[in-house]
Amino acid sequence: SFSPNPVTPPAGGSAGSTLSVTTAAS
């Protein structure tokens, strides 16, 4: 999952989002 999503960068700048990845025991 991403947080936040969507992302809106400012003109001439950048914006980030955290991608969280979770795995199962299987």
mmCIF file of all heavy atoms, coordinates in Angstrom:
data_MODEL
# 
_entry.id   MODEL 
# 
loop_
_atom_site.group_PDB 
_atom_site.id 
_atom_site.type_symbol 
_atom_site.label_atom_id 
_atom_site.label_alt_id 
_atom_site.label_comp_id 
_atom_site.label_asym_id 
_atom_site.label_entity_id 
_atom_site.label_seq_id 
_atom_site.pdbx_PDB_ins_code 
_atom_site.Cartn_x 
_atom_site.Cartn_y 
_atom_site.Cartn_z 
_atom_site.occupancy 
_atom_site.B_iso_or_equiv 
_atom_site.pdbx_formal_charge 
_atom_site.auth_seq_id 
_atom_site.auth_comp_id 
_atom_site.auth_asym_id 
_atom_site.auth_atom_id 
_atom_site.pdbx_PDB_model_num 
ATOM 1   N N   . SER A 1 1  ? 0.850  -1.187  0.000   1.00 0.00 ? 1  SER A N   1 
ATOM 2   C CA  . SER A 1 1  ? 0.000  0.000   0.000   1.00 0.00 ? 1  SER A CA  1 
ATOM 3   C C   . SER A 1 1  ? 0.888  1.240   0.000   1.00 0.00 ? 1  SER A C   1 
ATOM 4   O O   . SER A 1 1  ? 2.043  1.192   0.440   1.00 0.00 ? 1  SER A O   1 
ATOM 5   C CB  . SER A 1 1  ? -0.928 0.010   1.212   1.00 0.00 ? 1  SER A CB  1 
ATOM 6   O OG  . SER A 1 1  ? -0.178 0.083   2.408   1.00 0.00 ? 1  SER A OG  1 
ATOM 7   N N   . PHE A 1 2  ? 0.336  2.338   -0.526  1.00 0.00 ? 2  PHE A N   1 
ATOM 8   C CA  . PHE A 1 2  ? 1.030  3.623   -0.561  1.00 0.00 ? 2  PHE A CA  1 
ATOM 9   C C   . PHE A 1 2  ? 0.326  4.595   0.375   1.00 0.00 ? 2  PHE A C   1 
ATOM 10  O O   . PHE A 1 2  ? -0.895 4.605   0.467   1.00 0.00 ? 2  PHE A O   1 
ATOM 11  C CB  . PHE A 1 2  ? 1.002  4.223   -1.978  1.00 0.00 ? 2  PHE A CB  1 
ATOM 12  C CG  . PHE A 1 2  ? 1.867  3.508   -2.962  1.00 0.00 ? 2  PHE A CG  1 
ATOM 13  C CD1 . PHE A 1 2  ? 1.346  2.509   -3.760  1.00 0.00 ? 2  PHE A CD1 1 
ATOM 14  C CD2 . PHE A 1 2  ? 3.205  3.858   -3.107  1.00 0.00 ? 2  PHE A CD2 1 
ATOM 15  C CE1 . PHE A 1 2  ? 2.136  1.856   -4.685  1.00 0.00 ? 2  PHE A CE1 1 
ATOM 16  C CE2 . PHE A 1 2  ? 4.002  3.208   -4.027  1.00 0.00 ? 2  PHE A CE2 1 
ATOM 17  C CZ  . PHE A 1 2  ? 3.469  2.203   -4.817  1.00 0.00 ? 2  PHE A CZ  1 
ATOM 18  N N   . SER A 1 3  ? 1.111  5.435   1.022   1.00 0.00 ? 3  SER A N   1 
ATOM 19  C CA  . SER A 1 3  ? 0.542  6.497   1.850   1.00 0.00 ? 3  SER A CA  1 
ATOM 20  C C   . SER A 1 3  ? 1.403  7.734   1.726   1.00 0.00 ? 3  SER A C   1 
ATOM 21  O O   . SER A 1 3  ? 2.580  7.695   2.083   1.00 0.00 ? 3  SER A O   1 
ATOM 22  C CB  . SER A 1 3  ? 0.475  6.059   3.316   1.00 0.00 ? 3  SER A CB  1 
ATOM 23  O OG  . SER A 1 3  ? -0.105 7.079   4.103   1.00 0.00 ? 3  SER A OG  1 
ATOM 24  N N   . PRO A 1 4  ? 0.864  8.828   1.163   1.00 0.00 ? 4  PRO A N   1 
ATOM 25  C CA  . PRO A 1 4  ? -0.464 8.991   0.581   1.00 0.00 ? 4  PRO A CA  1 
ATOM 26  C C   . PRO A 1 4  ? -0.512 8.462   -0.848  1.00 0.00 ? 4  PRO A C   1 
ATOM 27  O O   . PRO A 1 4  ? 0.517  8.197   -1.454  1.00 0.00 ? 4  PRO A O   1 
ATOM 28  C CB  . PRO A 1 4  ? -0.660 10.509  0.588   1.00 0.00 ? 4  PRO A CB  1 
ATOM 29  C CG  . PRO A 1 4  ? 0.724  11.057  0.383   1.00 0.00 ? 4  PRO A CG  1 
ATOM 30  C CD  . PRO A 1 4  ? 1.620  10.090  1.126   1.00 0.00 ? 4  PRO A CD  1 
ATOM 31  N N   . ASN A 1 5  ? -1.718 8.343   -1.353  1.00 0.00 ? 5  ASN A N   1 
ATOM 32  C CA  . ASN A 1 5  ? -1.941 7.951   -2.740  1.00 0.00 ? 5  ASN A CA  1 
ATOM 33  C C   . ASN A 1 5  ? -3.303 8.480   -3.156  1.00 0.00 ? 5  ASN A C   1 
ATOM 34  O O   . ASN A 1 5  ? -4.293 8.088   -2.546  1.00 0.00 ? 5  ASN A O   1 
ATOM 35  C CB  . ASN A 1 5  ? -1.895 6.439   -2.901  1.00 0.00 ? 5  ASN A CB  1 
ATOM 36  C CG  . ASN A 1 5  ? -1.794 5.997   -4.342  1.00 0.00 ? 5  ASN A CG  1 
ATOM 37  O OD1 . ASN A 1 5  ? -1.500 6.781   -5.230  1.00 0.00 ? 5  ASN A OD1 1 
ATOM 38  N ND2 . ASN A 1 5  ? -2.046 4.720   -4.576  1.00 0.00 ? 5  ASN A ND2 1 
ATOM 39  N N   . PRO A 1 6  ? -3.391 9.374   -4.124  1.00 0.00 ? 6  PRO A N   1 
ATOM 40  C CA  . PRO A 1 6  ? -2.350 9.863   -5.032  1.00 0.00 ? 6  PRO A CA  1 
ATOM 41  C C   . PRO A 1 6  ? -1.438 10.898  -4.372  1.00 0.00 ? 6  PRO A C   1 
ATOM 42  O O   . PRO A 1 6  ? -1.701 11.374  -3.270  1.00 0.00 ? 6  PRO A O   1 
ATOM 43  C CB  . PRO A 1 6  ? -3.157 10.492  -6.173  1.00 0.00 ? 6  PRO A CB  1 
ATOM 44  C CG  . PRO A 1 6  ? -4.436 10.920  -5.553  1.00 0.00 ? 6  PRO A CG  1 
ATOM 45  C CD  . PRO A 1 6  ? -4.717 9.908   -4.457  1.00 0.00 ? 6  PRO A CD  1 
ATOM 46  N N   . VAL A 1 7  ? -0.370 11.231  -5.117  1.00 0.00 ? 7  VAL A N   1 
ATOM 47  C CA  . VAL A 1 7  ? 0.628  12.209  -4.696  1.00 0.00 ? 7  VAL A CA  1 
ATOM 48  C C   . VAL A 1 7  ? 0.581  13.375  -5.680  1.00 0.00 ? 7  VAL A C   1 
ATOM 49  O O   . VAL A 1 7  ? 0.513  13.157  -6.892  1.00 0.00 ? 7  VAL A O   1 
ATOM 50  C CB  . VAL A 1 7  ? 2.042  11.584  -4.707  1.00 0.00 ? 7  VAL A CB  1 
ATOM 51  C CG1 . VAL A 1 7  ? 3.096  12.599  -4.377  1.00 0.00 ? 7  VAL A CG1 1 
ATOM 52  C CG2 . VAL A 1 7  ? 2.105  10.414  -3.747  1.00 0.00 ? 7  VAL A CG2 1 
ATOM 53  N N   . THR A 1 8  ? 0.634  14.601  -5.170  1.00 0.00 ? 8  THR A N   1 
ATOM 54  C CA  . THR A 1 8  ? 0.636  15.783  -6.038  1.00 0.00 ? 8  THR A CA  1 
ATOM 55  C C   . THR A 1 8  ? 1.882  16.610  -5.739  1.00 0.00 ? 8  THR A C   1 
ATOM 56  O O   . THR A 1 8  ? 1.959  17.272  -4.701  1.00 0.00 ? 8  THR A O   1 
ATOM 57  C CB  . THR A 1 8  ? -0.622 16.640  -5.821  1.00 0.00 ? 8  THR A CB  1 
ATOM 58  O OG1 . THR A 1 8  ? -1.774 15.823  -6.027  1.00 0.00 ? 8  THR A OG1 1 
ATOM 59  C CG2 . THR A 1 8  ? -0.652 17.815  -6.784  1.00 0.00 ? 8  THR A CG2 1 
ATOM 60  N N   . PRO A 1 9  ? 2.877  16.575  -6.642  1.00 0.00 ? 9  PRO A N   1 
ATOM 61  C CA  . PRO A 1 9  ? 4.079  17.381  -6.406  1.00 0.00 ? 9  PRO A CA  1 
ATOM 62  C C   . PRO A 1 9  ? 3.807  18.850  -6.714  1.00 0.00 ? 9  PRO A C   1 
ATOM 63  O O   . PRO A 1 9  ? 3.000  19.163  -7.594  1.00 0.00 ? 9  PRO A O   1 
ATOM 64  C CB  . PRO A 1 9  ? 5.091  16.801  -7.392  1.00 0.00 ? 9  PRO A CB  1 
ATOM 65  C CG  . PRO A 1 9  ? 4.246  16.322  -8.524  1.00 0.00 ? 9  PRO A CG  1 
ATOM 66  C CD  . PRO A 1 9  ? 2.963  15.826  -7.892  1.00 0.00 ? 9  PRO A CD  1 
ATOM 67  N N   . PRO A 1 10 ? 4.472  19.760  -6.011  1.00 0.00 ? 10 PRO A N   1 
ATOM 68  C CA  . PRO A 1 10 ? 4.346  21.170  -6.383  1.00 0.00 ? 10 PRO A CA  1 
ATOM 69  C C   . PRO A 1 10 ? 5.108  21.421  -7.683  1.00 0.00 ? 10 PRO A C   1 
ATOM 70  O O   . PRO A 1 10 ? 6.071  20.713  -7.990  1.00 0.00 ? 10 PRO A O   1 
ATOM 71  C CB  . PRO A 1 10 ? 5.005  21.897  -5.211  1.00 0.00 ? 10 PRO A CB  1 
ATOM 72  C CG  . PRO A 1 10 ? 5.976  20.910  -4.648  1.00 0.00 ? 10 PRO A CG  1 
ATOM 73  C CD  . PRO A 1 10 ? 5.358  19.549  -4.879  1.00 0.00 ? 10 PRO A CD  1 
ATOM 74  N N   . ALA A 1 11 ? 4.674  22.406  -8.462  1.00 0.00 ? 11 ALA A N   1 
ATOM 75  C CA  . ALA A 1 11 ? 5.370  22.749  -9.707  1.00 0.00 ? 11 ALA A CA  1 
ATOM 76  C C   . ALA A 1 11 ? 6.836  23.027  -9.383  1.00 0.00 ? 11 ALA A C   1 
ATOM 77  O O   . ALA A 1 11 ? 7.144  23.811  -8.498  1.00 0.00 ? 11 ALA A O   1 
ATOM 78  C CB  . ALA A 1 11 ? 4.727  23.961  -10.357 1.00 0.00 ? 11 ALA A CB  1 
ATOM 79  N N   . GLY A 1 12 ? 7.740  22.350  -10.067 1.00 0.00 ? 12 GLY A N   1 
ATOM 80  C CA  . GLY A 1 12 ? 9.168  22.547  -9.857  1.00 0.00 ? 12 GLY A CA  1 
ATOM 81  C C   . GLY A 1 12 ? 9.723  21.833  -8.629  1.00 0.00 ? 12 GLY A C   1 
ATOM 82  O O   . GLY A 1 12 ? 10.880 21.992  -8.287  1.00 0.00 ? 12 GLY A O   1 
ATOM 83  N N   . GLY A 1 13 ? 8.913  21.006  -7.967  1.00 0.00 ? 13 GLY A N   1 
ATOM 84  C CA  . GLY A 1 13 ? 9.363  20.318  -6.756  1.00 0.00 ? 13 GLY A CA  1 
ATOM 85  C C   . GLY A 1 13 ? 9.086  18.828  -6.832  1.00 0.00 ? 13 GLY A C   1 
ATOM 86  O O   . GLY A 1 13 ? 8.896  18.263  -7.904  1.00 0.00 ? 13 GLY A O   1 
ATOM 87  N N   . SER A 1 14 ? 9.047  18.201  -5.675  1.00 0.00 ? 14 SER A N   1 
ATOM 88  C CA  . SER A 1 14 ? 8.784  16.773  -5.620  1.00 0.00 ? 14 SER A CA  1 
ATOM 89  C C   . SER A 1 14 ? 7.933  16.451  -4.400  1.00 0.00 ? 14 SER A C   1 
ATOM 90  O O   . SER A 1 14 ? 7.836  17.249  -3.474  1.00 0.00 ? 14 SER A O   1 
ATOM 91  C CB  . SER A 1 14 ? 10.093 15.980  -5.586  1.00 0.00 ? 14 SER A CB  1 
ATOM 92  O OG  . SER A 1 14 ? 10.822 16.286  -4.418  1.00 0.00 ? 14 SER A OG  1 
ATOM 93  N N   . ALA A 1 15 ? 7.328  15.273  -4.428  1.00 0.00 ? 15 ALA A N   1 
ATOM 94  C CA  . ALA A 1 15 ? 6.514  14.799  -3.314  1.00 0.00 ? 15 ALA A CA  1 
ATOM 95  C C   . ALA A 1 15 ? 6.721  13.298  -3.188  1.00 0.00 ? 15 ALA A C   1 
ATOM 96  O O   . ALA A 1 15 ? 6.925  12.610  -4.189  1.00 0.00 ? 15 ALA A O   1 
ATOM 97  C CB  . ALA A 1 15 ? 5.045  15.123  -3.537  1.00 0.00 ? 15 ALA A CB  1 
ATOM 98  N N   . GLY A 1 16 ? 6.675  12.810  -1.965  1.00 0.00 ? 16 GLY A N   1 
ATOM 99  C CA  . GLY A 1 16 ? 6.929  11.396  -1.730  1.00 0.00 ? 16 GLY A CA  1 
ATOM 100 C C   . GLY A 1 16 ? 5.743  10.669  -1.139  1.00 0.00 ? 16 GLY A C   1 
ATOM 101 O O   . GLY A 1 16 ? 4.809  11.272  -0.612  1.00 0.00 ? 16 GLY A O   1 
ATOM 102 N N   . SER A 1 17 ? 5.806  9.356   -1.260  1.00 0.00 ? 17 SER A N   1 
ATOM 103 C CA  . SER A 1 17 ? 4.811  8.465   -0.695  1.00 0.00 ? 17 SER A CA  1 
ATOM 104 C C   . SER A 1 17 ? 5.547  7.245   -0.156  1.00 0.00 ? 17 SER A C   1 
ATOM 105 O O   . SER A 1 17 ? 6.533  6.801   -0.743  1.00 0.00 ? 17 SER A O   1 
ATOM 106 C CB  . SER A 1 17 ? 3.813  8.037   -1.777  1.00 0.00 ? 17 SER A CB  1 
ATOM 107 O OG  . SER A 1 17 ? 2.846  7.150   -1.249  1.00 0.00 ? 17 SER A OG  1 
ATOM 108 N N   . THR A 1 18 ? 5.071  6.718   0.961   1.00 0.00 ? 18 THR A N   1 
ATOM 109 C CA  . THR A 1 18 ? 5.680  5.529   1.538   1.00 0.00 ? 18 THR A CA  1 
ATOM 110 C C   . THR A 1 18 ? 4.986  4.285   0.998   1.00 0.00 ? 18 THR A C   1 
ATOM 111 O O   . THR A 1 18 ? 3.764  4.154   1.094   1.00 0.00 ? 18 THR A O   1 
ATOM 112 C CB  . THR A 1 18 ? 5.578  5.546   3.073   1.00 0.00 ? 18 THR A CB  1 
ATOM 113 O OG1 . THR A 1 18 ? 6.265  6.702   3.558   1.00 0.00 ? 18 THR A OG1 1 
ATOM 114 C CG2 . THR A 1 18 ? 6.187  4.300   3.688   1.00 0.00 ? 18 THR A CG2 1 
ATOM 115 N N   . LEU A 1 19 ? 5.782  3.389   0.415   1.00 0.00 ? 19 LEU A N   1 
ATOM 116 C CA  . LEU A 1 19 ? 5.299  2.096   -0.058  1.00 0.00 ? 19 LEU A CA  1 
ATOM 117 C C   . LEU A 1 19 ? 5.584  1.086   1.038   1.00 0.00 ? 19 LEU A C   1 
ATOM 118 O O   . LEU A 1 19 ? 6.750  0.840   1.367   1.00 0.00 ? 19 LEU A O   1 
ATOM 119 C CB  . LEU A 1 19 ? 6.005  1.683   -1.353  1.00 0.00 ? 19 LEU A CB  1 
ATOM 120 C CG  . LEU A 1 19 ? 5.859  0.220   -1.790  1.00 0.00 ? 19 LEU A CG  1 
ATOM 121 C CD1 . LEU A 1 19 ? 4.401  -0.159  -2.014  1.00 0.00 ? 19 LEU A CD1 1 
ATOM 122 C CD2 . LEU A 1 19 ? 6.694  -0.042  -3.034  1.00 0.00 ? 19 LEU A CD2 1 
ATOM 123 N N   . SER A 1 20 ? 4.539  0.542   1.645   1.00 0.00 ? 20 SER A N   1 
ATOM 124 C CA  . SER A 1 20 ? 4.692  -0.490  2.678   1.00 0.00 ? 20 SER A CA  1 
ATOM 125 C C   . SER A 1 20 ? 4.412  -1.843  2.062   1.00 0.00 ? 20 SER A C   1 
ATOM 126 O O   . SER A 1 20 ? 3.379  -2.040  1.425   1.00 0.00 ? 20 SER A O   1 
ATOM 127 C CB  . SER A 1 20 ? 3.722  -0.234  3.831   1.00 0.00 ? 20 SER A CB  1 
ATOM 128 O OG  . SER A 1 20 ? 3.981  1.008   4.423   1.00 0.00 ? 20 SER A OG  1 
ATOM 129 N N   . VAL A 1 21 ? 5.351  -2.779  2.245   1.00 0.00 ? 21 VAL A N   1 
ATOM 130 C CA  . VAL A 1 21 ? 5.216  -4.131  1.713   1.00 0.00 ? 21 VAL A CA  1 
ATOM 131 C C   . VAL A 1 21 ? 5.206  -5.098  2.895   1.00 0.00 ? 21 VAL A C   1 
ATOM 132 O O   . VAL A 1 21 ? 6.098  -5.059  3.743   1.00 0.00 ? 21 VAL A O   1 
ATOM 133 C CB  . VAL A 1 21 ? 6.381  -4.487  0.757   1.00 0.00 ? 21 VAL A CB  1 
ATOM 134 C CG1 . VAL A 1 21 ? 6.272  -5.928  0.274   1.00 0.00 ? 21 VAL A CG1 1 
ATOM 135 C CG2 . VAL A 1 21 ? 6.413  -3.521  -0.418  1.00 0.00 ? 21 VAL A CG2 1 
ATOM 136 N N   . THR A 1 22 ? 4.182  -5.955  2.941   1.00 0.00 ? 22 THR A N   1 
ATOM 137 C CA  . THR A 1 22 ? 4.039  -6.944  4.005   1.00 0.00 ? 22 THR A CA  1 
ATOM 138 C C   . THR A 1 22 ? 3.972  -8.326  3.378   1.00 0.00 ? 22 THR A C   1 
ATOM 139 O O   . THR A 1 22 ? 3.283  -8.523  2.374   1.00 0.00 ? 22 THR A O   1 
ATOM 140 C CB  . THR A 1 22 ? 2.749  -6.677  4.812   1.00 0.00 ? 22 THR A CB  1 
ATOM 141 O OG1 . THR A 1 22 ? 2.800  -5.348  5.329   1.00 0.00 ? 22 THR A OG1 1 
ATOM 142 C CG2 . THR A 1 22 ? 2.605  -7.649  5.966   1.00 0.00 ? 22 THR A CG2 1 
ATOM 143 N N   . THR A 1 23 ? 4.692  -9.280  3.965   1.00 0.00 ? 23 THR A N   1 
ATOM 144 C CA  . THR A 1 23 ? 4.674  -10.650 3.459   1.00 0.00 ? 23 THR A CA  1 
ATOM 145 C C   . THR A 1 23 ? 3.995  -11.557 4.479   1.00 0.00 ? 23 THR A C   1 
ATOM 146 O O   . THR A 1 23 ? 3.969  -11.271 5.674   1.00 0.00 ? 23 THR A O   1 
ATOM 147 C CB  . THR A 1 23 ? 6.095  -11.168 3.183   1.00 0.00 ? 23 THR A CB  1 
ATOM 148 O OG1 . THR A 1 23 ? 6.840  -11.175 4.407   1.00 0.00 ? 23 THR A OG1 1 
ATOM 149 C CG2 . THR A 1 23 ? 6.807  -10.297 2.164   1.00 0.00 ? 23 THR A CG2 1 
ATOM 150 N N   . ALA A 1 24 ? 3.458  -12.672 3.995   1.00 0.00 ? 24 ALA A N   1 
ATOM 151 C CA  . ALA A 1 24 ? 2.853  -13.680 4.864   1.00 0.00 ? 24 ALA A CA  1 
ATOM 152 C C   . ALA A 1 24 ? 3.903  -14.741 5.171   1.00 0.00 ? 24 ALA A C   1 
ATOM 153 O O   . ALA A 1 24 ? 4.931  -14.826 4.489   1.00 0.00 ? 24 ALA A O   1 
ATOM 154 C CB  . ALA A 1 24 ? 1.656  -14.311 4.158   1.00 0.00 ? 24 ALA A CB  1 
ATOM 155 N N   . ALA A 1 25 ? 3.639  -15.548 6.169   1.00 0.00 ? 25 ALA A N   1 
ATOM 156 C CA  . ALA A 1 25 ? 4.550  -16.649 6.502   1.00 0.00 ? 25 ALA A CA  1 
ATOM 157 C C   . ALA A 1 25 ? 4.663  -17.613 5.325   1.00 0.00 ? 25 ALA A C   1 
ATOM 158 O O   . ALA A 1 25 ? 5.673  -18.301 5.170   1.00 0.00 ? 25 ALA A O   1 
ATOM 159 C CB  . ALA A 1 25 ? 4.060  -17.380 7.750   1.00 0.00 ? 25 ALA A CB  1 
ATOM 160 N N   . SER A 1 26 ? 3.637  -17.642 4.461   1.00 0.00 ? 26 SER A N   1 
ATOM 161 C CA  . SER A 1 26 ? 3.629  -18.547 3.306   1.00 0.00 ? 26 SER A CA  1 
ATOM 162 C C   . SER A 1 26 ? 4.221  -17.929 2.039   1.00 0.00 ? 26 SER A C   1 
ATOM 163 O O   . SER A 1 26 ? 4.298  -18.595 1.007   1.00 0.00 ? 26 SER A O   1 
ATOM 164 C CB  . SER A 1 26 ? 2.187  -18.977 3.012   1.00 0.00 ? 26 SER A CB  1 
ATOM 165 O OG  . SER A 1 26 ? 1.402  -17.831 2.693   1.00 0.00 ? 26 SER A OG  1 
# 
